[in-house]
N, C-alpha and C. Protein backbone atom coordinates (compact mmCIF):
# COMPACT_ATOMS: atom_id res chain seq x y z
N LEU A 1 -9.21 164.51 79.83
CA LEU A 1 -10.04 163.97 80.60
C LEU A 1 -9.08 162.54 81.46
N SER A 2 -9.27 162.14 79.87
CA SER A 2 -8.44 160.45 79.93
C SER A 2 -7.24 160.48 80.81
N PHE A 3 -6.35 161.25 80.10
CA PHE A 3 -4.98 161.12 80.49
C PHE A 3 -4.61 161.85 82.10
N ALA A 4 -5.74 162.45 82.08
CA ALA A 4 -5.72 163.43 83.53
C ALA A 4 -6.20 162.02 84.36
N HIS A 5 -7.02 161.59 84.53
CA HIS A 5 -7.33 160.30 85.07
C HIS A 5 -6.70 159.43 85.32
N SER A 6 -5.76 159.00 84.09
CA SER A 6 -4.64 158.20 84.25
C SER A 6 -3.31 158.42 85.16
N LYS A 7 -3.54 159.53 85.19
CA LYS A 7 -2.17 160.29 86.07
C LYS A 7 -2.29 160.47 87.50
N GLU A 8 -3.62 160.82 87.51
CA GLU A 8 -4.00 160.74 89.16
C GLU A 8 -4.75 159.68 89.71
N LEU A 9 -5.24 158.75 89.13
CA LEU A 9 -6.26 157.81 89.33
C LEU A 9 -5.52 156.48 89.50
N HIS A 10 -4.65 156.59 88.28
CA HIS A 10 -4.08 155.00 88.19
C HIS A 10 -2.46 155.20 88.01
N SER A 11 -1.74 155.65 88.67
CA SER A 11 -0.59 155.99 89.04
C SER A 11 -0.13 156.30 88.00
N LEU A 12 -0.31 156.87 86.61
CA LEU A 12 0.32 157.29 86.02
C LEU A 12 1.53 158.74 86.29
N ARG A 13 1.37 159.30 87.29
CA ARG A 13 2.62 160.70 87.60
C ARG A 13 3.79 159.91 87.06
N TYR A 14 4.00 159.06 87.52
CA TYR A 14 5.62 158.61 87.53
C TYR A 14 5.70 157.37 87.24
N ALA A 15 6.59 156.89 86.18
CA ALA A 15 6.70 155.22 85.87
C ALA A 15 7.31 154.60 86.74
N ARG A 16 6.53 153.55 87.32
CA ARG A 16 6.84 152.93 88.29
C ARG A 16 7.89 151.78 87.73
N TYR A 17 8.52 151.71 86.74
CA TYR A 17 9.42 150.57 86.55
C TYR A 17 10.15 151.66 85.50
N ARG A 18 11.31 151.67 85.15
CA ARG A 18 12.17 152.07 84.32
C ARG A 18 12.46 150.98 83.33
N GLY A 19 12.99 151.82 82.09
CA GLY A 19 13.21 151.36 80.12
C GLY A 19 11.61 151.29 79.32
N VAL A 20 12.17 152.11 78.38
CA VAL A 20 11.13 152.60 77.87
C VAL A 20 10.17 151.08 77.51
N GLN A 21 10.22 150.07 77.04
CA GLN A 21 9.53 149.63 76.86
C GLN A 21 8.65 148.50 78.40
N LYS A 22 9.45 148.78 79.31
CA LYS A 22 8.48 148.66 80.31
C LYS A 22 7.50 149.58 80.60
N VAL A 23 8.14 151.00 80.56
CA VAL A 23 7.30 152.25 80.87
C VAL A 23 5.75 152.34 79.58
N LYS A 24 6.16 151.72 78.39
CA LYS A 24 5.11 151.36 77.86
C LYS A 24 4.45 150.52 77.85
N THR A 25 4.99 149.44 78.49
CA THR A 25 3.18 148.24 78.71
C THR A 25 2.59 148.91 79.85
N GLN A 26 3.54 149.70 80.94
CA GLN A 26 2.47 150.03 81.73
C GLN A 26 1.39 150.83 81.54
N VAL A 27 2.09 151.76 80.54
CA VAL A 27 0.69 152.29 79.96
C VAL A 27 -0.35 151.97 78.85
N LEU A 28 0.60 151.07 78.36
CA LEU A 28 -0.76 150.07 77.68
C LEU A 28 -1.66 149.77 78.71
N MET A 29 -1.03 149.05 80.05
CA MET A 29 -1.96 148.13 81.12
C MET A 29 -3.02 149.35 81.12
N THR A 30 -2.62 150.46 81.58
CA THR A 30 -3.98 151.41 82.11
C THR A 30 -4.29 151.61 81.42
N ALA A 31 -4.13 151.78 80.32
CA ALA A 31 -5.46 152.12 78.77
C ALA A 31 -6.59 150.63 78.90
N ILE A 32 -5.77 149.67 79.21
CA ILE A 32 -6.58 148.91 78.82
C ILE A 32 -7.81 148.78 80.20
N ILE A 33 -7.49 149.04 81.23
CA ILE A 33 -8.02 149.12 82.25
C ILE A 33 -9.14 149.72 82.27
N GLN A 34 -8.45 150.91 81.63
CA GLN A 34 -9.39 152.39 81.67
C GLN A 34 -10.50 151.94 80.68
N ASN A 35 -10.30 151.49 79.70
CA ASN A 35 -11.68 151.19 78.53
C ASN A 35 -12.67 149.92 79.05
N LEU A 36 -11.80 148.58 80.64
CA LEU A 36 -12.60 147.72 80.36
C LEU A 36 -13.86 147.92 81.68
N LYS A 37 -13.08 149.18 82.42
CA LYS A 37 -14.24 150.47 83.43
C LYS A 37 -15.25 150.76 82.53
N LYS A 38 -14.77 151.36 81.70
CA LYS A 38 -15.99 152.37 80.85
C LYS A 38 -17.10 151.40 80.17
N TRP A 39 -15.98 150.15 79.47
CA TRP A 39 -17.10 149.29 79.20
C TRP A 39 -17.90 148.39 80.29
N ALA A 40 -17.80 147.92 80.99
CA ALA A 40 -18.15 147.70 82.35
C ALA A 40 -19.36 148.52 82.73
N LYS A 41 -19.34 149.88 82.17
CA LYS A 41 -20.18 151.18 82.96
C LYS A 41 -21.44 151.16 82.46
N LEU A 42 -20.81 150.74 80.93
CA LEU A 42 -21.92 150.99 79.55
C LEU A 42 -22.75 149.37 79.77
N ARG A 43 -21.89 148.44 79.98
CA ARG A 43 -22.89 147.14 79.85
C ARG A 43 -23.97 147.29 80.99
N SER A 44 -23.78 148.16 82.33
CA SER A 44 -24.54 147.97 83.41
C SER A 44 -25.79 149.11 83.14
N LEU A 45 -25.38 150.53 82.49
CA LEU A 45 -26.43 150.97 82.22
C LEU A 45 -27.05 150.25 80.86
N GLN A 46 -26.25 149.77 79.79
CA GLN A 46 -27.83 148.75 78.86
C GLN A 46 -28.64 147.94 79.73
N LYS A 47 -28.50 146.78 80.77
CA LYS A 47 -29.26 145.65 81.91
C LYS A 47 -30.24 146.69 82.41
N ILE A 48 -30.01 148.07 82.55
CA ILE A 48 -31.29 148.79 83.11
C ILE A 48 -32.03 149.72 82.12
N GLY A 49 -31.53 149.59 80.75
CA GLY A 49 -32.49 150.05 79.50
C GLY A 49 -32.12 151.11 79.60
N LEU A 50 -30.83 151.91 79.87
CA LEU A 50 -30.42 153.17 79.38
C LEU A 50 -29.49 152.68 78.42
N HIS A 51 -29.25 153.18 77.17
CA HIS A 51 -28.55 152.67 76.11
C HIS A 51 -27.60 154.62 76.21
N LEU A 52 -26.26 154.53 75.98
CA LEU A 52 -25.97 155.82 75.12
C LEU A 52 -24.83 155.28 73.96
N THR A 53 -25.35 156.49 73.03
CA THR A 53 -24.88 156.07 71.80
C THR A 53 -24.15 157.72 71.29
N SER A 54 -23.61 157.56 70.26
CA SER A 54 -23.23 158.75 69.49
C SER A 54 -23.38 159.34 68.49
N HIS A 55 -24.89 158.84 68.32
CA HIS A 55 -25.85 158.98 66.91
C HIS A 55 -27.43 158.70 67.29
N ILE A 56 -28.38 158.96 66.63
CA ILE A 56 -29.39 158.83 67.19
C ILE A 56 -29.90 157.76 66.72
N ILE A 57 -30.89 156.73 67.22
CA ILE A 57 -31.29 155.60 66.56
C ILE A 57 -32.76 155.80 66.24
N GLU A 58 -33.42 155.39 65.01
CA GLU A 58 -34.35 155.42 64.76
C GLU A 58 -35.05 154.59 65.05
N ASP A 59 -36.25 154.65 65.44
CA ASP A 59 -37.30 153.37 65.26
C ASP A 59 -37.69 153.03 63.62
N SER A 60 -38.26 152.03 63.40
CA SER A 60 -38.80 151.53 62.10
C SER A 60 -39.94 151.79 61.84
N VAL A 61 -40.48 152.69 61.07
CA VAL A 61 -41.79 153.34 61.16
C VAL A 61 -42.22 152.17 60.16
């Protein structure tokens, strides 16, 4: 999903620049943007009281 999302929505179907270092930079910047978007979405969900975690948080009894 992440690679497909990058390819379709963040212009990684074709490299914008030429040269290995420039393409690596383009891919890295795209990954940073994707992670920031995910982080912002999770933060906005947390503000309304929805906490998405990969494990169950047990209340202290």
